[in-house]
Amino acid sequence: MRKLESIYKKQCADLLEKIFFQAERMNIDLLEDGAIENLLAGADTGDAKTESDSWSQHQWARHFLSLAFRFLTDASGSATDEDKVNALCYGNWLVGVLSGIVSDGNDLQYQYQCMSCLIKQHSSAIGKAGAQKRHAPMAELRLWAIEKYQAGEWQSANQAAHALKEQVLWHGRAINAHLTEENAQRTIAEWFRKSV
């Protein structure tokens, strides 16, 4: 039991260090008189629900920081192990958001950027990832068709597209990449021309 308490203390100290780092990034001096009280007051979720519609990015970041600090105080004073673990998880998650840790795991690259830049980059990355996922079947179909084209001998890309159209359409349906009958030959021929 004593060992578990020392682990919680270490986790709380680590979270406190992360909170201080994020506060410094936001030009908040937590050692200044009244700063911690103001921060804890900012964690009041009742105010957040009524005012958050018009918040700036900085206000959101400050609110996340205040919530992380509130979870730290909860973790330090919680009676049960489950409450301590939950509070530490939420607190670390919030400072992770503030750190700008992105899904590629390269947190140091973004650690020192301003919040606006982080949000823009993260939004852009999510959009690109979504687009790649959405267009992946069509990209796979294009590569498959080009492979068929390059395996044969054709007088023109148009001739190959005409000959391979039905196979490409069939394979496209199998992998959830749908070409329209009307435009398939033109699209396939275009793929072939660009592949050379």
C-alpha atoms as a PDB file:
ATOM      1  CA  MET A   1       0.000   0.000   0.000  1.00  0.00           C
ATOM      2  CA  ARG A   2       2.866   2.364   0.813  1.00  0.00           C
ATOM      3  CA  LYS A   3       4.413   1.685  -2.614  1.00  0.00           C
ATOM      4  CA  LEU A   4       1.110   2.543  -4.308  1.00  0.00           C
ATOM      5  CA  GLU A   5       0.975   5.869  -2.469  1.00  0.00           C
ATOM      6  CA  SER A   6       4.485   6.753  -3.651  1.00  0.00           C
ATOM      7  CA  ILE A   7       3.445   5.941  -7.239  1.00  0.00           C
ATOM      8  CA  TYR A   8       0.439   8.284  -6.931  1.00  0.00           C
ATOM      9  CA  LYS A   9       2.669  11.032  -5.497  1.00  0.00           C
ATOM     10  CA  LYS A  10       5.102  10.623  -8.398  1.00  0.00           C
ATOM     11  CA  GLN A  11       2.254  10.722 -10.933  1.00  0.00           C
ATOM     12  CA  CYS A  12       0.845  13.864  -9.282  1.00  0.00           C
ATOM     13  CA  ALA A  13       4.282  15.514  -9.323  1.00  0.00           C
ATOM     14  CA  ASP A  14       4.660  14.672 -13.029  1.00  0.00           C
ATOM     15  CA  LEU A  15       1.234  16.112 -13.810  1.00  0.00           C
ATOM     16  CA  LEU A  16       2.024  19.258 -11.818  1.00  0.00           C
ATOM     17  CA  GLU A  17       5.213  19.728 -13.841  1.00  0.00           C
ATOM     18  CA  LYS A  18       3.249  19.390 -17.092  1.00  0.00           C
ATOM     19  CA  ILE A  19       0.649  21.893 -15.867  1.00  0.00           C
ATOM     20  CA  PHE A  20       3.367  24.416 -14.973  1.00  0.00           C
ATOM     21  CA  PHE A  21       4.940  23.969 -18.399  1.00  0.00           C
ATOM     22  CA  GLN A  22       1.621  24.566 -20.186  1.00  0.00           C
ATOM     23  CA  ALA A  23       0.843  27.549 -17.951  1.00  0.00           C
ATOM     24  CA  GLU A  24       4.198  29.071 -18.873  1.00  0.00           C
ATOM     25  CA  ARG A  25       3.390  28.578 -22.578  1.00  0.00           C
ATOM     26  CA  MET A  26       0.183  30.515 -21.983  1.00  0.00           C
ATOM     27  CA  ASN A  27       1.948  33.307 -20.055  1.00  0.00           C
ATOM     28  CA  ILE A  28       0.316  32.319 -16.760  1.00  0.00           C
ATOM     29  CA  ASP A  29       2.572  32.516 -13.711  1.00  0.00           C
ATOM     30  CA  LEU A  30       1.177  29.975 -11.262  1.00  0.00           C
ATOM     31  CA  LEU A  31       3.541  31.245  -8.542  1.00  0.00           C
ATOM     32  CA  GLU A  32       1.911  34.684  -8.632  1.00  0.00           C
ATOM     33  CA  ASP A  33      -0.446  35.484  -5.722  1.00  0.00           C
ATOM     34  CA  GLY A  34      -3.987  34.331  -6.449  1.00  0.00           C
ATOM     35  CA  ALA A  35      -3.066  32.597  -9.742  1.00  0.00           C
ATOM     36  CA  ILE A  36      -3.949  29.115  -8.513  1.00  0.00           C
ATOM     37  CA  GLU A  37      -7.227  30.287  -6.976  1.00  0.00           C
ATOM     38  CA  ASN A  38      -8.130  31.957 -10.285  1.00  0.00           C
ATOM     39  CA  LEU A  39      -7.197  28.813 -12.134  1.00  0.00           C
ATOM     40  CA  LEU A  40      -9.374  26.642  -9.901  1.00  0.00           C
ATOM     41  CA  ALA A  41     -12.247  29.111 -10.273  1.00  0.00           C
ATOM     42  CA  GLY A  42     -11.879  28.728 -14.047  1.00  0.00           C
ATOM     43  CA  ALA A  43     -12.594  25.007 -13.706  1.00  0.00           C
ATOM     44  CA  ASP A  44     -16.202  25.735 -12.733  1.00  0.00           C
ATOM     45  CA  THR A  45     -18.074  23.863 -15.460  1.00  0.00           C
ATOM     46  CA  GLY A  46     -21.335  25.665 -14.704  1.00  0.00           C
ATOM     47  CA  ASP A  47     -19.940  28.907 -16.134  1.00  0.00           C
ATOM     48  CA  ALA A  48     -18.340  27.054 -19.021  1.00  0.00           C
ATOM     49  CA  LYS A  49     -21.660  25.660 -20.231  1.00  0.00           C
ATOM     50  CA  THR A  50     -23.264  29.085 -20.494  1.00  0.00           C
ATOM     51  CA  GLU A  51     -20.280  31.047 -21.852  1.00  0.00           C
ATOM     52  CA  SER A  52     -18.284  28.581 -23.941  1.00  0.00           C
ATOM     53  CA  ASP A  53     -20.113  29.258 -27.222  1.00  0.00           C
ATOM     54  CA  SER A  54     -18.227  32.527 -27.643  1.00  0.00           C
ATOM     55  CA  TRP A  55     -14.848  31.473 -26.233  1.00  0.00           C
ATOM     56  CA  SER A  56     -11.618  32.113 -28.093  1.00  0.00           C
ATOM     57  CA  GLN A  57      -8.978  29.422 -28.469  1.00  0.00           C
ATOM     58  CA  HIS A  58      -7.030  30.978 -25.599  1.00  0.00           C
ATOM     59  CA  GLN A  59     -10.086  30.836 -23.325  1.00  0.00           C
ATOM     60  CA  TRP A  60     -10.567  27.169 -24.170  1.00  0.00           C
ATOM     61  CA  ALA A  61      -6.896  26.472 -23.486  1.00  0.00           C
ATOM     62  CA  ARG A  62      -7.121  28.294 -20.147  1.00  0.00           C
ATOM     63  CA  HIS A  63     -10.246  26.287 -19.267  1.00  0.00           C
ATOM     64  CA  PHE A  64      -8.478  23.010 -20.111  1.00  0.00           C
ATOM     65  CA  LEU A  65      -5.532  24.066 -17.966  1.00  0.00           C
ATOM     66  CA  SER A  66      -7.843  24.894 -15.064  1.00  0.00           C
ATOM     67  CA  LEU A  67      -9.592  21.520 -15.407  1.00  0.00           C
ATOM     68  CA  ALA A  68      -6.234  19.719 -15.469  1.00  0.00           C
ATOM     69  CA  PHE A  69      -5.291  21.514 -12.251  1.00  0.00           C
ATOM     70  CA  ARG A  70      -8.646  20.624 -10.693  1.00  0.00           C
ATOM     71  CA  PHE A  71      -8.095  16.951 -11.567  1.00  0.00           C
ATOM     72  CA  LEU A  72      -4.613  17.173 -10.028  1.00  0.00           C
ATOM     73  CA  THR A  73      -6.079  18.437  -6.766  1.00  0.00           C
ATOM     74  CA  ASP A  74      -8.707  15.689  -6.914  1.00  0.00           C
ATOM     75  CA  ALA A  75      -5.999  13.055  -7.471  1.00  0.00           C
ATOM     76  CA  SER A  76      -3.988  14.385  -4.541  1.00  0.00           C
ATOM     77  CA  GLY A  77      -6.938  14.312  -2.169  1.00  0.00           C
ATOM     78  CA  SER A  78      -9.021  11.380  -3.422  1.00  0.00           C
ATOM     79  CA  ALA A  79      -9.865   8.664  -0.954  1.00  0.00           C
ATOM     80  CA  THR A  80     -10.120   5.726  -3.352  1.00  0.00           C
ATOM     81  CA  ASP A  81      -7.579   4.369  -5.797  1.00  0.00           C
ATOM     82  CA  GLU A  82     -10.150   4.427  -8.590  1.00  0.00           C
ATOM     83  CA  ASP A  83     -10.820   8.152  -8.037  1.00  0.00           C
ATOM     84  CA  LYS A  84      -7.085   8.907  -8.055  1.00  0.00           C
ATOM     85  CA  VAL A  85      -6.501   6.970 -11.263  1.00  0.00           C
ATOM     86  CA  ASN A  86      -9.475   8.626 -12.995  1.00  0.00           C
ATOM     87  CA  ALA A  87      -8.379  12.114 -11.930  1.00  0.00           C
ATOM     88  CA  LEU A  88      -4.804  11.490 -13.097  1.00  0.00           C
ATOM     89  CA  CYS A  89      -6.018  10.116 -16.428  1.00  0.00           C
ATOM     90  CA  TYR A  90      -8.256  13.122 -17.101  1.00  0.00           C
ATOM     91  CA  GLY A  91      -5.595  15.601 -15.984  1.00  0.00           C
ATOM     92  CA  ASN A  92      -2.946  14.036 -18.195  1.00  0.00           C
ATOM     93  CA  TRP A  93      -5.345  13.863 -21.115  1.00  0.00           C
ATOM     94  CA  LEU A  94      -6.055  17.586 -20.805  1.00  0.00           C
ATOM     95  CA  VAL A  95      -2.384  18.588 -20.680  1.00  0.00           C
ATOM     96  CA  GLY A  96      -1.855  16.245 -23.633  1.00  0.00           C
ATOM     97  CA  VAL A  97      -4.427  18.253 -25.576  1.00  0.00           C
ATOM     98  CA  LEU A  98      -2.668  21.441 -24.538  1.00  0.00           C
ATOM     99  CA  SER A  99       0.703  20.008 -25.559  1.00  0.00           C
ATOM    100  CA  GLY A 100      -0.599  19.513 -29.052  1.00  0.00           C
ATOM    101  CA  ILE A 101       0.305  15.847 -29.120  1.00  0.00           C
ATOM    102  CA  VAL A 102      -0.912  14.519 -32.425  1.00  0.00           C
ATOM    103  CA  SER A 103      -1.696  11.023 -33.586  1.00  0.00           C
ATOM    104  CA  ASP A 104       1.688  10.389 -35.199  1.00  0.00           C
ATOM    105  CA  GLY A 105       3.223  10.355 -31.695  1.00  0.00           C
ATOM    106  CA  ASN A 106       5.745  13.078 -32.521  1.00  0.00           C
ATOM    107  CA  ASP A 107       4.890  15.326 -29.579  1.00  0.00           C
ATOM    108  CA  LEU A 108       8.149  17.291 -29.416  1.00  0.00           C
ATOM    109  CA  GLN A 109       7.652  18.742 -32.882  1.00  0.00           C
ATOM    110  CA  TYR A 110       4.533  20.622 -31.774  1.00  0.00           C
ATOM    111  CA  GLN A 111       5.257  21.204 -28.106  1.00  0.00           C
ATOM    112  CA  TYR A 112       6.367  24.831 -28.399  1.00  0.00           C
ATOM    113  CA  GLN A 113       3.862  26.164 -30.921  1.00  0.00           C
ATOM    114  CA  CYS A 114       1.037  28.526 -30.088  1.00  0.00           C
ATOM    115  CA  MET A 115      -2.466  27.122 -29.586  1.00  0.00           C
ATOM    116  CA  SER A 116      -3.885  28.650 -32.783  1.00  0.00           C
ATOM    117  CA  CYS A 117      -1.185  27.021 -34.906  1.00  0.00           C
ATOM    118  CA  LEU A 118      -1.645  23.679 -33.165  1.00  0.00           C
ATOM    119  CA  ILE A 119      -5.388  23.697 -33.729  1.00  0.00           C
ATOM    120  CA  LYS A 120      -4.955  24.619 -37.408  1.00  0.00           C
ATOM    121  CA  GLN A 121      -2.319  21.911 -37.934  1.00  0.00           C
ATOM    122  CA  HIS A 122      -4.352  19.289 -36.103  1.00  0.00           C
ATOM    123  CA  SER A 123      -7.494  20.171 -38.086  1.00  0.00           C
ATOM    124  CA  SER A 124      -5.543  20.012 -41.326  1.00  0.00           C
ATOM    125  CA  ALA A 125      -4.026  16.631 -40.406  1.00  0.00           C
ATOM    126  CA  ILE A 126      -7.450  15.221 -39.541  1.00  0.00           C
ATOM    127  CA  GLY A 127      -8.861  16.494 -42.853  1.00  0.00           C
ATOM    128  CA  LYS A 128      -6.002  14.969 -44.866  1.00  0.00           C
ATOM    129  CA  ALA A 129      -6.257  11.652 -43.043  1.00  0.00           C
ATOM    130  CA  GLY A 130     -10.007  11.564 -43.645  1.00  0.00           C
ATOM    131  CA  ALA A 131      -9.575  12.352 -47.329  1.00  0.00           C
ATOM    132  CA  GLN A 132      -6.909   9.679 -47.747  1.00  0.00           C
ATOM    133  CA  LYS A 133      -9.098   7.101 -46.034  1.00  0.00           C
ATOM    134  CA  ARG A 134     -12.132   8.102 -48.100  1.00  0.00           C
ATOM    135  CA  HIS A 135     -10.199   7.942 -51.391  1.00  0.00           C
ATOM    136  CA  ALA A 136      -8.096   4.867 -50.556  1.00  0.00           C
ATOM    137  CA  PRO A 137     -10.301   2.361 -52.438  1.00  0.00           C
ATOM    138  CA  MET A 138     -10.201   4.492 -55.609  1.00  0.00           C
ATOM    139  CA  ALA A 139      -6.413   4.879 -55.310  1.00  0.00           C
ATOM    140  CA  GLU A 140      -6.132   1.113 -54.914  1.00  0.00           C
ATOM    141  CA  LEU A 141      -8.326   0.579 -57.997  1.00  0.00           C
ATOM    142  CA  ARG A 142      -6.229   3.020 -60.030  1.00  0.00           C
ATOM    143  CA  LEU A 143      -3.012   1.167 -59.112  1.00  0.00           C
ATOM    144  CA  TRP A 144      -4.633  -2.186 -59.902  1.00  0.00           C
ATOM    145  CA  ALA A 145      -5.803  -0.935 -63.324  1.00  0.00           C
ATOM    146  CA  ILE A 146      -2.393   0.556 -64.140  1.00  0.00           C
ATOM    147  CA  GLU A 147      -0.773  -2.768 -63.249  1.00  0.00           C
ATOM    148  CA  LYS A 148      -3.093  -4.527 -65.744  1.00  0.00           C
ATOM    149  CA  TYR A 149      -2.339  -1.888 -68.363  1.00  0.00           C
ATOM    150  CA  GLN A 150       1.424  -2.204 -67.945  1.00  0.00           C
ATOM    151  CA  ALA A 151       1.213  -6.003 -68.144  1.00  0.00           C
ATOM    152  CA  GLY A 152      -0.263  -5.862 -71.652  1.00  0.00           C
ATOM    153  CA  GLU A 153       0.674  -4.394 -74.996  1.00  0.00           C
ATOM    154  CA  TRP A 154      -1.669  -1.702 -76.226  1.00  0.00           C
ATOM    155  CA  GLN A 155      -1.678   0.673 -79.170  1.00  0.00           C
ATOM    156  CA  SER A 156      -3.096   3.443 -76.984  1.00  0.00           C
ATOM    157  CA  ALA A 157      -4.339   4.192 -73.471  1.00  0.00           C
ATOM    158  CA  ASN A 158      -7.834   4.502 -74.909  1.00  0.00           C
ATOM    159  CA  GLN A 159      -7.695   1.045 -76.477  1.00  0.00           C
ATOM    160  CA  ALA A 160      -6.499  -0.445 -73.161  1.00  0.00           C
ATOM    161  CA  ALA A 161      -9.227   1.394 -71.235  1.00  0.00           C
ATOM    162  CA  HIS A 162     -11.876   0.035 -73.606  1.00  0.00           C
ATOM    163  CA  ALA A 163     -10.535  -3.532 -73.295  1.00  0.00           C
ATOM    164  CA  LEU A 164     -10.089  -3.438 -69.508  1.00  0.00           C
ATOM    165  CA  LYS A 165     -13.153  -1.394 -68.578  1.00  0.00           C
ATOM    166  CA  GLU A 166     -15.366  -4.301 -67.431  1.00  0.00           C
ATOM    167  CA  GLN A 167     -12.577  -5.880 -65.362  1.00  0.00           C
ATOM    168  CA  VAL A 168     -11.818  -2.549 -63.704  1.00  0.00           C
ATOM    169  CA  LEU A 169     -15.496  -1.902 -62.966  1.00  0.00           C
ATOM    170  CA  TRP A 170     -15.896  -5.397 -61.505  1.00  0.00           C
ATOM    171  CA  HIS A 171     -12.763  -5.084 -59.341  1.00  0.00           C
ATOM    172  CA  GLY A 172     -13.881  -1.597 -58.253  1.00  0.00           C
ATOM    173  CA  ARG A 173     -17.191  -2.934 -56.985  1.00  0.00           C
ATOM    174  CA  ALA A 174     -15.334  -5.680 -55.089  1.00  0.00           C
ATOM    175  CA  ILE A 175     -13.185  -3.152 -53.202  1.00  0.00           C
ATOM    176  CA  ASN A 176     -15.873  -0.460 -52.814  1.00  0.00           C
ATOM    177  CA  ALA A 177     -14.418   1.911 -55.428  1.00  0.00           C
ATOM    178  CA  HIS A 178     -17.223   2.777 -57.810  1.00  0.00           C
ATOM    179  CA  LEU A 179     -16.764   4.292 -61.241  1.00  0.00           C
ATOM    180  CA  THR A 180     -19.815   5.306 -63.253  1.00  0.00           C
ATOM    181  CA  GLU A 181     -20.429   3.339 -66.451  1.00  0.00           C
ATOM    182  CA  GLU A 182     -20.601   6.554 -68.461  1.00  0.00           C
ATOM    183  CA  ASN A 183     -17.242   7.961 -67.336  1.00  0.00           C
ATOM    184  CA  ALA A 184     -15.323   4.752 -66.615  1.00  0.00           C
ATOM    185  CA  GLN A 185     -13.486   4.432 -69.930  1.00  0.00           C
ATOM    186  CA  ARG A 186     -12.439   8.094 -69.943  1.00  0.00           C
ATOM    187  CA  THR A 187     -11.260   7.928 -66.312  1.00  0.00           C
ATOM    188  CA  ILE A 188      -9.343   4.678 -66.848  1.00  0.00           C
ATOM    189  CA  ALA A 189      -7.689   6.025 -70.013  1.00  0.00           C
ATOM    190  CA  GLU A 190      -6.647   9.132 -68.082  1.00  0.00           C
ATOM    191  CA  TRP A 191      -5.074   6.946 -65.382  1.00  0.00           C
ATOM    192  CA  PHE A 192      -3.156   5.052 -68.045  1.00  0.00           C
ATOM    193  CA  ARG A 193      -1.920   8.203 -69.808  1.00  0.00           C
ATOM    194  CA  LYS A 194      -0.683   9.724 -66.528  1.00  0.00           C
ATOM    195  CA  SER A 195       1.074   6.506 -65.510  1.00  0.00           C
ATOM    196  CA  VAL A 196       3.568   6.636 -68.379  1.00  0.00           C
END
